[in-house]
C-alpha atoms as a PDB file:
ATOM      1  CA  MET A   1       7.668  14.799  15.651  1.00  0.00           C
ATOM      2  CA  THR A   2       7.602  11.834  18.045  1.00  0.00           C
ATOM      3  CA  ARG A   3      10.183  11.489  20.827  1.00  0.00           C
ATOM      4  CA  ARG A   4      11.830   8.604  18.967  1.00  0.00           C
ATOM      5  CA  ALA A   5      11.958  10.503  15.677  1.00  0.00           C
ATOM      6  CA  SER A   6      13.480  13.482  17.483  1.00  0.00           C
ATOM      7  CA  PHE A   7      16.086  11.247  19.092  1.00  0.00           C
ATOM      8  CA  GLU A   8      17.030   9.666  15.758  1.00  0.00           C
ATOM      9  CA  SER A   9      17.337  13.111  14.202  1.00  0.00           C
ATOM     10  CA  GLN A  10      19.718  14.163  16.969  1.00  0.00           C
ATOM     11  CA  LEU A  11      21.731  10.959  16.545  1.00  0.00           C
ATOM     12  CA  GLU A  12      22.090  11.770  12.858  1.00  0.00           C
ATOM     13  CA  GLU A  13      23.373  15.240  13.706  1.00  0.00           C
ATOM     14  CA  LEU A  14      25.813  13.653  16.157  1.00  0.00           C
ATOM     15  CA  ASN A  15      27.115  11.502  13.318  1.00  0.00           C
ATOM     16  CA  ASN A  16      27.423  14.601  11.128  1.00  0.00           C
ATOM     17  CA  GLU A  17      29.488  16.337  13.799  1.00  0.00           C
ATOM     18  CA  LEU A  18      31.751  13.301  14.049  1.00  0.00           C
ATOM     19  CA  VAL A  19      32.277  13.423  10.291  1.00  0.00           C
ATOM     20  CA  ARG A  20      33.140  17.126  10.485  1.00  0.00           C
ATOM     21  CA  MET A  21      35.619  16.493  13.286  1.00  0.00           C
ATOM     22  CA  GLY A  22      37.115  13.581  11.352  1.00  0.00           C
ATOM     23  CA  ASN A  23      37.482  15.761   8.246  1.00  0.00           C
ATOM     24  CA  LEU A  24      39.177  18.453  10.315  1.00  0.00           C
ATOM     25  CA  VAL A  25      41.780  16.143  11.855  1.00  0.00           C
ATOM     26  CA  GLU A  26      42.455  14.588   8.430  1.00  0.00           C
ATOM     27  CA  LYS A  27      43.081  18.067   7.061  1.00  0.00           C
ATOM     28  CA  ARG A  28      45.385  18.908   9.950  1.00  0.00           C
ATOM     29  CA  ILE A  29      47.536  15.834   9.336  1.00  0.00           C
ATOM     30  CA  GLU A  30      47.776  16.691   5.637  1.00  0.00           C
ATOM     31  CA  GLN A  31      48.696  20.294   6.424  1.00  0.00           C
ATOM     32  CA  SER A  32      51.305  19.359   9.018  1.00  0.00           C
ATOM     33  CA  VAL A  33      53.077  17.040   6.579  1.00  0.00           C
ATOM     34  CA  MET A  34      52.825  19.713   3.875  1.00  0.00           C
ATOM     35  CA  ALA A  35      54.378  22.239   6.256  1.00  0.00           C
ATOM     36  CA  LEU A  36      57.264  19.826   6.857  1.00  0.00           C
ATOM     37  CA  GLU A  37      57.833  18.992   3.206  1.00  0.00           C
ATOM     38  CA  ASN A  38      57.657  22.621   2.039  1.00  0.00           C
ATOM     39  CA  ARG A  39      59.393  24.109   5.093  1.00  0.00           C
ATOM     40  CA  ASP A  40      56.290  26.287   5.382  1.00  0.00           C
ATOM     41  CA  LYS A  41      56.663  27.908   8.788  1.00  0.00           C
ATOM     42  CA  VAL A  42      53.602  30.111   8.293  1.00  0.00           C
ATOM     43  CA  LEU A  43      51.381  27.074   7.739  1.00  0.00           C
ATOM     44  CA  ALA A  44      52.991  25.233  10.647  1.00  0.00           C
ATOM     45  CA  LYS A  45      52.317  28.122  13.029  1.00  0.00           C
ATOM     46  CA  GLU A  46      48.735  28.362  11.754  1.00  0.00           C
ATOM     47  CA  ILE A  47      48.156  24.669  12.536  1.00  0.00           C
ATOM     48  CA  ILE A  48      49.578  25.103  16.034  1.00  0.00           C
ATOM     49  CA  MET A  49      47.536  28.255  16.659  1.00  0.00           C
ATOM     50  CA  ASN A  50      44.289  26.603  15.507  1.00  0.00           C
ATOM     51  CA  ASP A  51      44.743  23.402  17.495  1.00  0.00           C
ATOM     52  CA  ASN A  52      42.004  24.570  19.860  1.00  0.00           C
ATOM     53  CA  ASP A  53      39.452  24.120  17.046  1.00  0.00           C
ATOM     54  CA  VAL A  54      39.657  20.343  17.477  1.00  0.00           C
ATOM     55  CA  ASP A  55      39.396  20.690  21.253  1.00  0.00           C
ATOM     56  CA  GLU A  56      36.272  22.828  20.894  1.00  0.00           C
ATOM     57  CA  MET A  57      34.671  20.285  18.561  1.00  0.00           C
ATOM     58  CA  GLU A  58      35.397  17.565  21.096  1.00  0.00           C
ATOM     59  CA  LYS A  59      33.674  19.595  23.824  1.00  0.00           C
ATOM     60  CA  SER A  60      30.685  20.318  21.578  1.00  0.00           C
ATOM     61  CA  ILE A  61      30.177  16.652  20.675  1.00  0.00           C
ATOM     62  CA  GLU A  62      30.687  15.593  24.273  1.00  0.00           C
ATOM     63  CA  GLN A  63      27.972  18.029  25.363  1.00  0.00           C
ATOM     64  CA  ARG A  64      25.614  16.728  22.678  1.00  0.00           C
ATOM     65  CA  CYS A  65      26.200  13.158  23.880  1.00  0.00           C
ATOM     66  CA  ILE A  66      25.504  14.106  27.488  1.00  0.00           C
ATOM     67  CA  THR A  67      22.329  15.942  26.465  1.00  0.00           C
ATOM     68  CA  LEU A  68      21.101  12.891  24.556  1.00  0.00           C
ATOM     69  CA  LEU A  69      21.737  10.675  27.558  1.00  0.00           C
ATOM     70  CA  LEU A  70      19.972  12.985  30.003  1.00  0.00           C
ATOM     71  CA  ARG A  71      17.014  14.210  27.986  1.00  0.00           C
ATOM     72  CA  GLN A  72      16.122  11.144  25.957  1.00  0.00           C
ATOM     73  CA  GLN A  73      15.417   7.515  26.766  1.00  0.00           C
ATOM     74  CA  PRO A  74      18.010   5.646  24.714  1.00  0.00           C
ATOM     75  CA  VAL A  75      17.736   1.894  24.276  1.00  0.00           C
ATOM     76  CA  ALA A  76      20.782  -0.387  24.540  1.00  0.00           C
ATOM     77  CA  THR A  77      21.886   0.141  20.932  1.00  0.00           C
ATOM     78  CA  ASP A  78      21.545   3.908  21.319  1.00  0.00           C
ATOM     79  CA  LEU A  79      23.624   3.826  24.482  1.00  0.00           C
ATOM     80  CA  ARG A  80      26.376   1.975  22.629  1.00  0.00           C
ATOM     81  CA  ALA A  81      26.270   4.552  19.808  1.00  0.00           C
ATOM     82  CA  ILE A  82      26.584   7.464  22.221  1.00  0.00           C
ATOM     83  CA  SER A  83      29.289   5.850  24.366  1.00  0.00           C
ATOM     84  CA  THR A  84      31.202   4.933  21.196  1.00  0.00           C
ATOM     85  CA  ALA A  85      31.001   8.534  20.012  1.00  0.00           C
ATOM     86  CA  LEU A  86      32.441   9.704  23.344  1.00  0.00           C
ATOM     87  CA  LYS A  87      35.381   7.313  22.967  1.00  0.00           C
ATOM     88  CA  ILE A  88      35.972   8.214  19.329  1.00  0.00           C
ATOM     89  CA  ILE A  89      36.202  11.962  19.943  1.00  0.00           C
ATOM     90  CA  THR A  90      38.928  11.327  22.528  1.00  0.00           C
ATOM     91  CA  ASP A  91      41.018   9.522  19.914  1.00  0.00           C
ATOM     92  CA  MET A  92      40.318  12.199  17.303  1.00  0.00           C
ATOM     93  CA  GLU A  93      41.336  14.957  19.719  1.00  0.00           C
ATOM     94  CA  ARG A  94      44.639  13.179  20.290  1.00  0.00           C
ATOM     95  CA  ILE A  95      45.104  12.821  16.529  1.00  0.00           C
ATOM     96  CA  GLY A  96      44.664  16.595  16.278  1.00  0.00           C
ATOM     97  CA  ASP A  97      47.271  17.084  19.006  1.00  0.00           C
ATOM     98  CA  GLN A  98      49.730  14.875  17.171  1.00  0.00           C
ATOM     99  CA  ALA A  99      49.189  16.769  13.923  1.00  0.00           C
ATOM    100  CA  ALA A 100      50.011  19.968  15.822  1.00  0.00           C
ATOM    101  CA  ASP A 101      53.106  18.283  17.285  1.00  0.00           C
ATOM    102  CA  ILE A 102      54.281  17.399  13.766  1.00  0.00           C
ATOM    103  CA  ALA A 103      53.745  21.013  12.710  1.00  0.00           C
ATOM    104  CA  ASP A 104      55.773  22.168  15.712  1.00  0.00           C
ATOM    105  CA  LEU A 105      58.650  19.856  14.820  1.00  0.00           C
ATOM    106  CA  SER A 106      58.546  21.031  11.201  1.00  0.00           C
ATOM    107  CA  LEU A 107      59.672  24.453  12.477  1.00  0.00           C
ATOM    108  CA  HIS A 108      63.043  22.897  13.329  1.00  0.00           C
ATOM    109  CA  PHE A 109      63.934  22.247   9.693  1.00  0.00           C
ATOM    110  CA  ASP A 110      65.377  24.627   7.113  1.00  0.00           C
ATOM    111  CA  GLY A 111      66.470  24.132   3.523  1.00  0.00           C
ATOM    112  CA  SER A 112      67.029  20.493   2.621  1.00  0.00           C
ATOM    113  CA  ASP A 113      67.906  19.290   6.121  1.00  0.00           C
ATOM    114  CA  LEU A 114      67.451  15.514   6.329  1.00  0.00           C
ATOM    115  CA  ILE A 115      65.017  15.497   3.400  1.00  0.00           C
ATOM    116  CA  GLU A 116      66.968  12.571   1.944  1.00  0.00           C
ATOM    117  CA  ILE A 117      66.010  10.354   4.875  1.00  0.00           C
ATOM    118  CA  ALA A 118      62.396  11.516   5.156  1.00  0.00           C
ATOM    119  CA  THR A 119      61.167   9.822   1.988  1.00  0.00           C
ATOM    120  CA  HIS A 120      58.964   7.353   3.878  1.00  0.00           C
ATOM    121  CA  LEU A 121      57.146  10.028   5.883  1.00  0.00           C
ATOM    122  CA  THR A 122      54.850  11.060   3.028  1.00  0.00           C
ATOM    123  CA  PRO A 123      53.490   7.548   2.283  1.00  0.00           C
ATOM    124  CA  MET A 124      53.297   6.949   6.027  1.00  0.00           C
ATOM    125  CA  ALA A 125      51.199  10.101   6.431  1.00  0.00           C
ATOM    126  CA  LYS A 126      48.936   9.117   3.540  1.00  0.00           C
ATOM    127  CA  ALA A 127      48.384   5.680   5.063  1.00  0.00           C
ATOM    128  CA  ALA A 128      47.602   7.186   8.472  1.00  0.00           C
ATOM    129  CA  ILE A 129      45.170   9.712   6.958  1.00  0.00           C
ATOM    130  CA  ALA A 130      43.428   6.927   5.047  1.00  0.00           C
ATOM    131  CA  MET A 131      43.066   4.969   8.293  1.00  0.00           C
ATOM    132  CA  VAL A 132      41.490   7.941  10.064  1.00  0.00           C
ATOM    133  CA  HIS A 133      39.051   8.466   7.204  1.00  0.00           C
ATOM    134  CA  SER A 134      37.995   4.826   6.943  1.00  0.00           C
ATOM    135  CA  SER A 135      37.698   4.408  10.707  1.00  0.00           C
ATOM    136  CA  ILE A 136      35.174   7.261  10.939  1.00  0.00           C
ATOM    137  CA  ASP A 137      33.398   5.932   7.863  1.00  0.00           C
ATOM    138  CA  ALA A 138      33.194   2.494   9.491  1.00  0.00           C
ATOM    139  CA  PHE A 139      31.463   4.019  12.513  1.00  0.00           C
ATOM    140  CA  ILE A 140      28.983   6.067  10.507  1.00  0.00           C
ATOM    141  CA  ARG A 141      28.079   3.053   8.343  1.00  0.00           C
ATOM    142  CA  SER A 142      28.294   0.522  11.199  1.00  0.00           C
ATOM    143  CA  ASP A 143      30.612  -1.354   8.853  1.00  0.00           C
ATOM    144  CA  LEU A 144      32.419  -4.074  10.782  1.00  0.00           C
ATOM    145  CA  THR A 145      34.243  -5.316   7.674  1.00  0.00           C
ATOM    146  CA  LEU A 146      35.674  -1.857   6.955  1.00  0.00           C
ATOM    147  CA  ALA A 147      36.714  -1.528  10.587  1.00  0.00           C
ATOM    148  CA  GLU A 148      38.555  -4.850  10.457  1.00  0.00           C
ATOM    149  CA  GLU A 149      40.238  -3.932   7.156  1.00  0.00           C
ATOM    150  CA  THR A 150      41.370  -0.633   8.631  1.00  0.00           C
ATOM    151  CA  ILE A 151      42.893  -2.368  11.651  1.00  0.00           C
ATOM    152  CA  VAL A 152      44.892  -4.574   9.262  1.00  0.00           C
ATOM    153  CA  ASP A 153      46.091  -1.419   7.453  1.00  0.00           C
ATOM    154  CA  ASP A 154      47.870  -0.373  10.644  1.00  0.00           C
ATOM    155  CA  ASP A 155      50.580  -2.843   9.637  1.00  0.00           C
ATOM    156  CA  ILE A 156      51.366  -0.571   6.669  1.00  0.00           C
ATOM    157  CA  VAL A 157      51.954   2.390   8.973  1.00  0.00           C
ATOM    158  CA  ASP A 158      54.006   0.283  11.378  1.00  0.00           C
ATOM    159  CA  ASN A 159      56.186  -1.096   8.585  1.00  0.00           C
ATOM    160  CA  LEU A 160      56.844   2.399   7.236  1.00  0.00           C
ATOM    161  CA  PHE A 161      57.810   3.508  10.737  1.00  0.00           C
ATOM    162  CA  LEU A 162      60.400   0.732  10.845  1.00  0.00           C
ATOM    163  CA  LYS A 163      61.776   1.915   7.502  1.00  0.00           C
ATOM    164  CA  VAL A 164      62.101   5.477   8.791  1.00  0.00           C
ATOM    165  CA  ARG A 165      63.899   4.183  11.879  1.00  0.00           C
ATOM    166  CA  MET A 166      66.357   2.161   9.804  1.00  0.00           C
ATOM    167  CA  ASP A 167      66.968   5.129   7.488  1.00  0.00           C
ATOM    168  CA  VAL A 168      67.680   7.374  10.470  1.00  0.00           C
ATOM    169  CA  ILE A 169      70.062   4.848  12.036  1.00  0.00           C
ATOM    170  CA  GLU A 170      71.946   4.491   8.750  1.00  0.00           C
ATOM    171  CA  TYR A 171      72.095   8.262   8.291  1.00  0.00           C
ATOM    172  CA  LEU A 172      73.431   8.842  11.799  1.00  0.00           C
ATOM    173  CA  SER A 173      76.233   6.358  11.226  1.00  0.00           C
ATOM    174  CA  LYS A 174      77.445   8.689   8.469  1.00  0.00           C
ATOM    175  CA  SER A 175      76.405  12.096   9.851  1.00  0.00           C
ATOM    176  CA  PRO A 176      76.338  11.976  13.666  1.00  0.00           C
ATOM    177  CA  ALA A 177      76.518  15.765  13.880  1.00  0.00           C
ATOM    178  CA  LYS A 178      72.865  15.948  12.842  1.00  0.00           C
ATOM    179  CA  ALA A 179      71.593  13.729  15.646  1.00  0.00           C
ATOM    180  CA  GLU A 180      69.109  16.322  16.947  1.00  0.00           C
ATOM    181  CA  GLN A 181      67.352  16.668  13.604  1.00  0.00           C
ATOM    182  CA  ALA A 182      67.390  12.905  13.112  1.00  0.00           C
ATOM    183  CA  ILE A 183      65.599  12.534  16.439  1.00  0.00           C
ATOM    184  CA  ASP A 184      62.995  15.049  15.232  1.00  0.00           C
ATOM    185  CA  ILE A 185      62.397  12.903  12.146  1.00  0.00           C
ATOM    186  CA  MET A 186      61.929   9.878  14.388  1.00  0.00           C
ATOM    187  CA  MET A 187      59.468  11.796  16.555  1.00  0.00           C
ATOM    188  CA  ILE A 188      57.435  12.811  13.505  1.00  0.00           C
ATOM    189  CA  ALA A 189      57.314   9.176  12.398  1.00  0.00           C
ATOM    190  CA  LYS A 190      56.288   8.180  15.920  1.00  0.00           C
ATOM    191  CA  TYR A 191      53.414  10.680  15.886  1.00  0.00           C
ATOM    192  CA  LEU A 192      52.222   9.240  12.562  1.00  0.00           C
ATOM    193  CA  GLU A 193      52.425   5.748  14.011  1.00  0.00           C
ATOM    194  CA  ARG A 194      50.326   6.870  16.964  1.00  0.00           C
ATOM    195  CA  ILE A 195      47.759   8.393  14.607  1.00  0.00           C
ATOM    196  CA  GLY A 196      47.432   4.958  13.028  1.00  0.00           C
ATOM    197  CA  ASP A 197      47.014   3.474  16.502  1.00  0.00           C
ATOM    198  CA  HIS A 198      44.242   5.937  17.334  1.00  0.00           C
ATOM    199  CA  ALA A 199      42.465   5.043  14.086  1.00  0.00           C
ATOM    200  CA  THR A 200      42.758   1.421  15.192  1.00  0.00           C
ATOM    201  CA  ASN A 201      41.219   2.392  18.527  1.00  0.00           C
ATOM    202  CA  ILE A 202      38.285   3.962  16.697  1.00  0.00           C
ATOM    203  CA  CYS A 203      37.756   0.759  14.728  1.00  0.00           C
ATOM    204  CA  GLU A 204      37.805  -1.277  17.906  1.00  0.00           C
ATOM    205  CA  TRP A 205      35.133   1.013  19.352  1.00  0.00           C
ATOM    206  CA  VAL A 206      33.153   0.389  16.162  1.00  0.00           C
ATOM    207  CA  THR A 207      33.385  -3.335  16.928  1.00  0.00           C
ATOM    208  CA  LEU A 208      31.941  -2.627  20.376  1.00  0.00           C
ATOM    209  CA  TYR A 209      29.135  -0.586  18.828  1.00  0.00           C
ATOM    210  CA  VAL A 210      28.200  -3.197  16.227  1.00  0.00           C
ATOM    211  CA  THR A 211      28.720  -6.411  18.212  1.00  0.00           C
ATOM    212  CA  GLY A 212      28.632  -5.365  21.859  1.00  0.00           C
ATOM    213  CA  GLU A 213      32.055  -6.971  22.331  1.00  0.00           C
ATOM    214  CA  HIS A 214      34.858  -4.878  23.752  1.00  0.00           C
ATOM    215  CA  LYS A 215      38.427  -5.140  22.537  1.00  0.00           C
ATOM    216  CA  LYS A 216      41.448  -3.701  24.294  1.00  0.00           C
ATOM    217  CA  THR A 217      42.436  -0.319  22.854  1.00  0.00           C
ATOM    218  CA  ARG A 218      45.776   1.425  22.760  1.00  0.00           C
ATOM    219  CA  ILE A 219      45.950   4.464  25.007  1.00  0.00           C
ATOM    220  CA  PHE A 220      48.440   7.326  24.463  1.00  0.00           C
END
């Protein structure tokens, strides 16, 4: 196998690892919302306990990127691919952290507490998960159109966040005694909003990879 063929093979495996990490963080978001909806404390604790899995994947991919940079002779496009991968795993690691934070907050709820004002969390979670999935897909396929469409989809997540906020404000006007739990609902919505922002970041890194043009990213 030639040096170039070997390098391309390793780049493909890097992409595969990114897909696996993306699938894992998607699953964690789904599980954290499921734990909240079902008041499943066992699942919530499992998500929190396994949060290091995402961290370990980040370290593994980071090491692979460094190895490619040091041992190979990447051209400009290759350098952009590797540097983009390094940026993307940072956003995905933070998405994993936020999924764990949602799971942690889900432990605060019992019975039907505040379920009547959490109706927008499920569609918000689905929209955020879809953004994460399509942002990784956009990178793997070098699909600038998909990246741009995904960035537009962040408006869906943001609008749902505003609905949750209004629902919480209305609820508190009637039931101020449950302010602490209402704040927890707001925090969960905020974590979902941030997940959408990190997916947007990933898409903006895709733009850098495809076009060479850098856009300002959101940092949390």
